[in-house]
Amino acid sequence: MAQKTAPDSTRRSERSRRAIYDAALALVGEVGYAKMTIEAIAARAGVGKQTIYRWWPSKGDLLLDAFLDLGEQAAREAGEKAGQSVTQYEIPDTGDLEADLKLVMRATIDEFRNPKYDAPWRALAAEGMLNPALGAEYVEKLLEPSLQLYVDRLRKAQEAGHIAASVDLRIALELWTGPLAMRWLQRTGELTHEYADQLVEYALYGITPRPAP
């Protein structure tokens, strides 16, 4: 008589976790963060709500993990296209800082305009301002790693003599990431590739006329 294989609890848990992530990301886009509930996520995912509470203390913590997982998938896909592993993914260094920054800023614009990213990202940014603990986790796990990619690329440019040695790289990156974040959060203007290019150009070359050679 053939023996039955015992259920793999690890695989079952992973399937449930994946279903919960998908449900949370879908619901925040459909009904918004305020109306998204743990009960609705559980029903969409086909799990009991106690399963969710066993893994996450709140819907904010769940959404952050779901969004981080979404970002890891996107980074993995981008890394594969570039012939890199996800752990090696970084801002390209072609030797042309302007072109490299424009490439990444355009990709960021595309993410902001994609409802799959926009809704959860906007919800986390807003909730993080009201919930200090979640806000700190949002900065540590999501925002800071993204900013560090810019710092790493700028440091290479600085070492190559393309950026003045006296420049504070953390302040420098705010010259283009700050305006972009403000326009996106406050919906004060259209997000286009041309806008991304202008931010990079203004940051690198300033806004005053350059003297003739």
C-alpha atoms as a PDB file:
ATOM      1  CA  MET A   1       0.000   0.000   0.000  1.00  0.00           C
ATOM      2  CA  ALA A   2       1.472   3.356  -1.061  1.00  0.00           C
ATOM      3  CA  GLN A   3       2.234   5.760   1.743  1.00  0.00           C
ATOM      4  CA  LYS A   4       0.634   9.186   1.649  1.00  0.00           C
ATOM      5  CA  THR A   5       3.029  12.098   1.532  1.00  0.00           C
ATOM      6  CA  ALA A   6       2.618  14.444   4.472  1.00  0.00           C
ATOM      7  CA  PRO A   7       1.483  17.965   3.493  1.00  0.00           C
ATOM      8  CA  ASP A   8       4.347  20.410   3.176  1.00  0.00           C
ATOM      9  CA  SER A   9       3.436  23.112   5.680  1.00  0.00           C
ATOM     10  CA  THR A  10       6.192  25.402   4.407  1.00  0.00           C
ATOM     11  CA  ARG A  11       4.861  25.366   0.861  1.00  0.00           C
ATOM     12  CA  ARG A  12       1.310  25.785   2.117  1.00  0.00           C
ATOM     13  CA  SER A  13       2.350  28.792   4.210  1.00  0.00           C
ATOM     14  CA  GLU A  14       4.154  30.332   1.251  1.00  0.00           C
ATOM     15  CA  ARG A  15       1.078  29.904  -0.948  1.00  0.00           C
ATOM     16  CA  SER A  16      -1.055  31.569   1.723  1.00  0.00           C
ATOM     17  CA  ARG A  17       1.427  34.400   2.158  1.00  0.00           C
ATOM     18  CA  ARG A  18       1.528  34.984  -1.596  1.00  0.00           C
ATOM     19  CA  ALA A  19      -2.275  34.994  -1.780  1.00  0.00           C
ATOM     20  CA  ILE A  20      -2.445  37.492   1.093  1.00  0.00           C
ATOM     21  CA  TYR A  21       0.083  39.791  -0.589  1.00  0.00           C
ATOM     22  CA  ASP A  22      -1.852  39.675  -3.855  1.00  0.00           C
ATOM     23  CA  ALA A  23      -5.136  40.336  -2.079  1.00  0.00           C
ATOM     24  CA  ALA A  24      -3.790  43.318  -0.142  1.00  0.00           C
ATOM     25  CA  LEU A  25      -2.241  44.925  -3.219  1.00  0.00           C
ATOM     26  CA  ALA A  26      -5.400  44.395  -5.253  1.00  0.00           C
ATOM     27  CA  LEU A  27      -7.744  45.738  -2.588  1.00  0.00           C
ATOM     28  CA  VAL A  28      -5.779  48.893  -1.830  1.00  0.00           C
ATOM     29  CA  GLY A  29      -6.035  49.728  -5.513  1.00  0.00           C
ATOM     30  CA  GLU A  30      -9.749  48.941  -5.680  1.00  0.00           C
ATOM     31  CA  VAL A  31     -11.122  50.483  -2.478  1.00  0.00           C
ATOM     32  CA  GLY A  32      -8.265  52.532  -1.031  1.00  0.00           C
ATOM     33  CA  TYR A  33      -6.331  52.082   2.178  1.00  0.00           C
ATOM     34  CA  ALA A  34      -8.996  53.499   4.504  1.00  0.00           C
ATOM     35  CA  LYS A  35     -11.635  50.993   3.360  1.00  0.00           C
ATOM     36  CA  MET A  36      -9.275  48.035   3.072  1.00  0.00           C
ATOM     37  CA  THR A  37      -9.826  45.641   5.987  1.00  0.00           C
ATOM     38  CA  ILE A  38      -8.121  42.527   7.284  1.00  0.00           C
ATOM     39  CA  GLU A  39     -11.442  40.694   6.866  1.00  0.00           C
ATOM     40  CA  ALA A  40     -11.630  41.659   3.190  1.00  0.00           C
ATOM     41  CA  ILE A  41      -8.014  40.651   2.599  1.00  0.00           C
ATOM     42  CA  ALA A  42      -8.602  37.287   4.274  1.00  0.00           C
ATOM     43  CA  ALA A  43     -11.735  36.657   2.211  1.00  0.00           C
ATOM     44  CA  ARG A  44      -9.963  37.565  -1.043  1.00  0.00           C
ATOM     45  CA  ALA A  45      -6.958  35.402  -0.170  1.00  0.00           C
ATOM     46  CA  GLY A  46      -9.042  32.441   1.002  1.00  0.00           C
ATOM     47  CA  VAL A  47      -7.511  32.336   4.487  1.00  0.00           C
ATOM     48  CA  GLY A  48      -8.760  32.969   8.004  1.00  0.00           C
ATOM     49  CA  LYS A  49      -8.138  36.430   9.406  1.00  0.00           C
ATOM     50  CA  GLN A  50      -6.307  34.862  12.354  1.00  0.00           C
ATOM     51  CA  THR A  51      -3.719  33.634   9.861  1.00  0.00           C
ATOM     52  CA  ILE A  52      -3.082  37.226   8.884  1.00  0.00           C
ATOM     53  CA  TYR A  53      -2.947  38.470  12.474  1.00  0.00           C
ATOM     54  CA  ARG A  54      -0.486  35.703  13.306  1.00  0.00           C
ATOM     55  CA  TRP A  55       1.962  37.161  10.771  1.00  0.00           C
ATOM     56  CA  TRP A  56       1.176  40.895  10.848  1.00  0.00           C
ATOM     57  CA  PRO A  57      -0.098  43.136  13.664  1.00  0.00           C
ATOM     58  CA  SER A  58      -1.896  45.549  11.311  1.00  0.00           C
ATOM     59  CA  LYS A  59      -2.938  46.077   7.714  1.00  0.00           C
ATOM     60  CA  GLY A  60      -0.199  48.692   7.394  1.00  0.00           C
ATOM     61  CA  ASP A  61       2.507  46.194   8.286  1.00  0.00           C
ATOM     62  CA  LEU A  62       0.976  43.690   5.876  1.00  0.00           C
ATOM     63  CA  LEU A  63       0.815  46.213   3.038  1.00  0.00           C
ATOM     64  CA  LEU A  64       4.433  47.237   3.600  1.00  0.00           C
ATOM     65  CA  ASP A  65       5.616  43.623   3.359  1.00  0.00           C
ATOM     66  CA  ALA A  66       3.459  43.064   0.276  1.00  0.00           C
ATOM     67  CA  PHE A  67       4.893  46.162  -1.396  1.00  0.00           C
ATOM     68  CA  LEU A  68       8.450  45.236  -0.487  1.00  0.00           C
ATOM     69  CA  ASP A  69       7.863  41.814  -2.036  1.00  0.00           C
ATOM     70  CA  LEU A  70       6.507  43.502  -5.163  1.00  0.00           C
ATOM     71  CA  GLY A  71       9.638  45.627  -5.344  1.00  0.00           C
ATOM     72  CA  GLU A  72      11.877  42.583  -4.931  1.00  0.00           C
ATOM     73  CA  GLN A  73      10.105  40.887  -7.819  1.00  0.00           C
ATOM     74  CA  ALA A  74      10.581  43.973 -10.001  1.00  0.00           C
ATOM     75  CA  ALA A  75      14.261  44.235  -9.026  1.00  0.00           C
ATOM     76  CA  ARG A  76      14.773  40.555  -9.741  1.00  0.00           C
ATOM     77  CA  GLU A  77      13.235  40.950 -13.201  1.00  0.00           C
ATOM     78  CA  ALA A  78      15.339  44.060 -13.893  1.00  0.00           C
ATOM     79  CA  GLY A  79      18.449  42.296 -12.673  1.00  0.00           C
ATOM     80  CA  GLU A  80      17.797  39.317 -14.902  1.00  0.00           C
ATOM     81  CA  LYS A  81      17.372  41.586 -17.918  1.00  0.00           C
ATOM     82  CA  ALA A  82      20.668  43.254 -17.069  1.00  0.00           C
ATOM     83  CA  GLY A  83      22.399  39.935 -16.476  1.00  0.00           C
ATOM     84  CA  GLN A  84      22.678  40.542 -12.724  1.00  0.00           C
ATOM     85  CA  SER A  85      21.292  38.844  -9.658  1.00  0.00           C
ATOM     86  CA  VAL A  86      18.800  40.823  -7.579  1.00  0.00           C
ATOM     87  CA  THR A  87      21.450  41.410  -4.896  1.00  0.00           C
ATOM     88  CA  GLN A  88      23.701  43.030  -7.483  1.00  0.00           C
ATOM     89  CA  TYR A  89      21.091  45.394  -8.898  1.00  0.00           C
ATOM     90  CA  GLU A  90      22.273  49.003  -8.902  1.00  0.00           C
ATOM     91  CA  ILE A  91      22.028  52.204 -10.886  1.00  0.00           C
ATOM     92  CA  PRO A  92      23.976  51.707 -14.126  1.00  0.00           C
ATOM     93  CA  ASP A  93      27.420  53.238 -14.429  1.00  0.00           C
ATOM     94  CA  THR A  94      28.060  53.900 -18.116  1.00  0.00           C
ATOM     95  CA  GLY A  95      30.446  56.744 -17.366  1.00  0.00           C
ATOM     96  CA  ASP A  96      27.712  59.240 -18.304  1.00  0.00           C
ATOM     97  CA  LEU A  97      26.157  60.383 -15.021  1.00  0.00           C
ATOM     98  CA  GLU A  98      23.448  62.454 -16.666  1.00  0.00           C
ATOM     99  CA  ALA A  99      22.278  59.578 -18.855  1.00  0.00           C
ATOM    100  CA  ASP A 100      22.345  57.106 -15.975  1.00  0.00           C
ATOM    101  CA  LEU A 101      20.304  59.352 -13.674  1.00  0.00           C
ATOM    102  CA  LYS A 102      17.783  60.111 -16.401  1.00  0.00           C
ATOM    103  CA  LEU A 103      17.349  56.387 -17.053  1.00  0.00           C
ATOM    104  CA  VAL A 104      16.538  55.677 -13.409  1.00  0.00           C
ATOM    105  CA  MET A 105      14.343  58.756 -12.973  1.00  0.00           C
ATOM    106  CA  ARG A 106      12.307  57.805 -16.025  1.00  0.00           C
ATOM    107  CA  ALA A 107      11.838  54.312 -14.600  1.00  0.00           C
ATOM    108  CA  THR A 108      10.689  55.875 -11.317  1.00  0.00           C
ATOM    109  CA  ILE A 109       8.189  58.026 -13.199  1.00  0.00           C
ATOM    110  CA  ASP A 110       6.859  54.901 -14.890  1.00  0.00           C
ATOM    111  CA  GLU A 111       6.374  53.223 -11.493  1.00  0.00           C
ATOM    112  CA  PHE A 112       4.578  56.249 -10.070  1.00  0.00           C
ATOM    113  CA  ARG A 113       2.218  56.243 -13.057  1.00  0.00           C
ATOM    114  CA  ASN A 114       1.558  52.502 -12.740  1.00  0.00           C
ATOM    115  CA  PRO A 115      -1.564  51.867 -10.579  1.00  0.00           C
ATOM    116  CA  LYS A 116       0.003  48.605  -9.367  1.00  0.00           C
ATOM    117  CA  TYR A 117       2.688  50.631  -7.589  1.00  0.00           C
ATOM    118  CA  ASP A 118       1.013  54.004  -7.094  1.00  0.00           C
ATOM    119  CA  ALA A 119      -1.870  52.950  -4.843  1.00  0.00           C
ATOM    120  CA  PRO A 120       0.085  50.949  -2.233  1.00  0.00           C
ATOM    121  CA  TRP A 121       3.038  53.344  -2.323  1.00  0.00           C
ATOM    122  CA  ARG A 122       0.777  56.356  -1.750  1.00  0.00           C
ATOM    123  CA  ALA A 123      -1.077  54.545   1.045  1.00  0.00           C
ATOM    124  CA  LEU A 124       2.144  53.647   2.843  1.00  0.00           C
ATOM    125  CA  ALA A 125       3.539  57.165   2.517  1.00  0.00           C
ATOM    126  CA  ALA A 126       0.358  58.643   4.010  1.00  0.00           C
ATOM    127  CA  GLU A 127      -0.039  56.051   6.768  1.00  0.00           C
ATOM    128  CA  GLY A 128       3.618  56.340   7.658  1.00  0.00           C
ATOM    129  CA  MET A 129       3.046  59.987   8.594  1.00  0.00           C
ATOM    130  CA  LEU A 130       0.291  59.018  11.025  1.00  0.00           C
ATOM    131  CA  ASN A 131       1.907  55.866  12.397  1.00  0.00           C
ATOM    132  CA  PRO A 132       5.474  56.627  13.574  1.00  0.00           C
ATOM    133  CA  ALA A 133       6.439  52.961  13.946  1.00  0.00           C
ATOM    134  CA  LEU A 134       5.256  52.090  10.455  1.00  0.00           C
ATOM    135  CA  GLY A 135       6.799  55.296   9.122  1.00  0.00           C
ATOM    136  CA  ALA A 136      10.194  54.367  10.538  1.00  0.00           C
ATOM    137  CA  GLU A 137       9.933  50.901   9.006  1.00  0.00           C
ATOM    138  CA  TYR A 138       8.851  52.426   5.689  1.00  0.00           C
ATOM    139  CA  VAL A 139      11.955  54.634   5.655  1.00  0.00           C
ATOM    140  CA  GLU A 140      14.301  51.840   6.751  1.00  0.00           C
ATOM    141  CA  LYS A 141      13.065  49.103   4.451  1.00  0.00           C
ATOM    142  CA  LEU A 142      11.738  50.956   1.411  1.00  0.00           C
ATOM    143  CA  LEU A 143      12.928  54.544   1.124  1.00  0.00           C
ATOM    144  CA  GLU A 144      16.479  54.340   2.449  1.00  0.00           C
ATOM    145  CA  PRO A 145      17.622  51.424   0.226  1.00  0.00           C
ATOM    146  CA  SER A 146      16.353  53.310  -2.837  1.00  0.00           C
ATOM    147  CA  LEU A 147      18.177  56.483  -1.854  1.00  0.00           C
ATOM    148  CA  GLN A 148      21.337  54.524  -1.125  1.00  0.00           C
ATOM    149  CA  LEU A 149      21.427  53.393  -4.758  1.00  0.00           C
ATOM    150  CA  TYR A 150      21.741  57.056  -5.762  1.00  0.00           C
ATOM    151  CA  VAL A 151      24.420  57.666  -3.134  1.00  0.00           C
ATOM    152  CA  ASP A 152      26.459  54.734  -4.421  1.00  0.00           C
ATOM    153  CA  ARG A 153      26.251  55.957  -8.021  1.00  0.00           C
ATOM    154  CA  LEU A 154      27.076  59.538  -7.060  1.00  0.00           C
ATOM    155  CA  ARG A 155      30.049  58.405  -5.010  1.00  0.00           C
ATOM    156  CA  LYS A 156      31.488  56.663  -8.072  1.00  0.00           C
ATOM    157  CA  ALA A 157      31.027  59.865 -10.064  1.00  0.00           C
ATOM    158  CA  GLN A 158      32.653  61.850  -7.277  1.00  0.00           C
ATOM    159  CA  GLU A 159      35.632  59.501  -7.182  1.00  0.00           C
ATOM    160  CA  ALA A 160      35.945  59.865 -10.961  1.00  0.00           C
ATOM    161  CA  GLY A 161      36.048  63.657 -10.624  1.00  0.00           C
ATOM    162  CA  HIS A 162      32.630  64.226 -12.215  1.00  0.00           C
ATOM    163  CA  ILE A 163      31.224  65.727  -8.994  1.00  0.00           C
ATOM    164  CA  ALA A 164      33.032  68.190  -6.756  1.00  0.00           C
ATOM    165  CA  ALA A 165      34.693  66.558  -3.758  1.00  0.00           C
ATOM    166  CA  SER A 166      33.001  69.010  -1.387  1.00  0.00           C
ATOM    167  CA  VAL A 167      29.458  68.022  -2.421  1.00  0.00           C
ATOM    168  CA  ASP A 168      27.304  66.275   0.206  1.00  0.00           C
ATOM    169  CA  LEU A 169      25.839  63.397  -1.794  1.00  0.00           C
ATOM    170  CA  ARG A 170      22.749  63.006   0.401  1.00  0.00           C
ATOM    171  CA  ILE A 171      21.826  66.640  -0.175  1.00  0.00           C
ATOM    172  CA  ALA A 172      22.659  66.366  -3.877  1.00  0.00           C
ATOM    173  CA  LEU A 173      20.238  63.530  -4.538  1.00  0.00           C
ATOM    174  CA  GLU A 174      17.432  65.540  -2.919  1.00  0.00           C
ATOM    175  CA  LEU A 175      17.712  68.053  -5.753  1.00  0.00           C
ATOM    176  CA  TRP A 176      15.853  65.664  -8.066  1.00  0.00           C
ATOM    177  CA  THR A 177      14.203  63.103  -5.780  1.00  0.00           C
ATOM    178  CA  GLY A 178      12.602  65.747  -3.558  1.00  0.00           C
ATOM    179  CA  PRO A 179      10.713  67.656  -6.279  1.00  0.00           C
ATOM    180  CA  LEU A 180       9.610  64.406  -7.883  1.00  0.00           C
ATOM    181  CA  ALA A 181       8.223  63.070  -4.598  1.00  0.00           C
ATOM    182  CA  MET A 182       6.410  66.350  -3.900  1.00  0.00           C
ATOM    183  CA  ARG A 183       4.799  66.491  -7.341  1.00  0.00           C
ATOM    184  CA  TRP A 184       3.719  62.855  -7.048  1.00  0.00           C
ATOM    185  CA  LEU A 185       2.332  63.091  -3.502  1.00  0.00           C
ATOM    186  CA  GLN A 186       0.552  66.404  -3.963  1.00  0.00           C
ATOM    187  CA  ARG A 187      -0.469  65.828  -7.590  1.00  0.00           C
ATOM    188  CA  THR A 188       0.758  69.319  -8.483  1.00  0.00           C
ATOM    189  CA  GLY A 189       1.735  68.504 -12.051  1.00  0.00           C
ATOM    190  CA  GLU A 190       2.098  65.847 -14.700  1.00  0.00           C
ATOM    191  CA  LEU A 191       4.730  63.159 -14.320  1.00  0.00           C
ATOM    192  CA  THR A 192       6.544  62.757 -17.624  1.00  0.00           C
ATOM    193  CA  HIS A 193       9.932  61.605 -18.846  1.00  0.00           C
ATOM    194  CA  GLU A 194      10.616  65.181 -19.938  1.00  0.00           C
ATOM    195  CA  TYR A 195      10.028  66.356 -16.370  1.00  0.00           C
ATOM    196  CA  ALA A 196      12.427  63.711 -15.068  1.00  0.00           C
ATOM    197  CA  ASP A 197      15.073  64.828 -17.551  1.00  0.00           C
ATOM    198  CA  GLN A 198      14.667  68.479 -16.533  1.00  0.00           C
ATOM    199  CA  LEU A 199      15.097  67.644 -12.845  1.00  0.00           C
ATOM    200  CA  VAL A 200      18.375  65.877 -13.576  1.00  0.00           C
ATOM    201  CA  GLU A 201      19.635  68.686 -15.820  1.00  0.00           C
ATOM    202  CA  TYR A 202      18.740  71.422 -13.327  1.00  0.00           C
ATOM    203  CA  ALA A 203      20.397  69.474 -10.506  1.00  0.00           C
ATOM    204  CA  LEU A 204      23.600  68.820 -12.442  1.00  0.00           C
ATOM    205  CA  TYR A 205      23.978  72.173 -14.226  1.00  0.00           C
ATOM    206  CA  GLY A 206      21.957  74.690 -12.202  1.00  0.00           C
ATOM    207  CA  ILE A 207      19.447  77.249 -13.422  1.00  0.00           C
ATOM    208  CA  THR A 208      21.658  80.266 -14.016  1.00  0.00           C
ATOM    209  CA  PRO A 209      23.181  81.019 -17.431  1.00  0.00           C
ATOM    210  CA  ARG A 210      26.547  79.417 -17.927  1.00  0.00           C
ATOM    211  CA  PRO A 211      29.313  81.691 -19.162  1.00  0.00           C
ATOM    212  CA  ALA A 212      30.323  81.322 -22.788  1.00  0.00           C
ATOM    213  CA  PRO A 213      33.535  79.335 -23.291  1.00  0.00           C
END
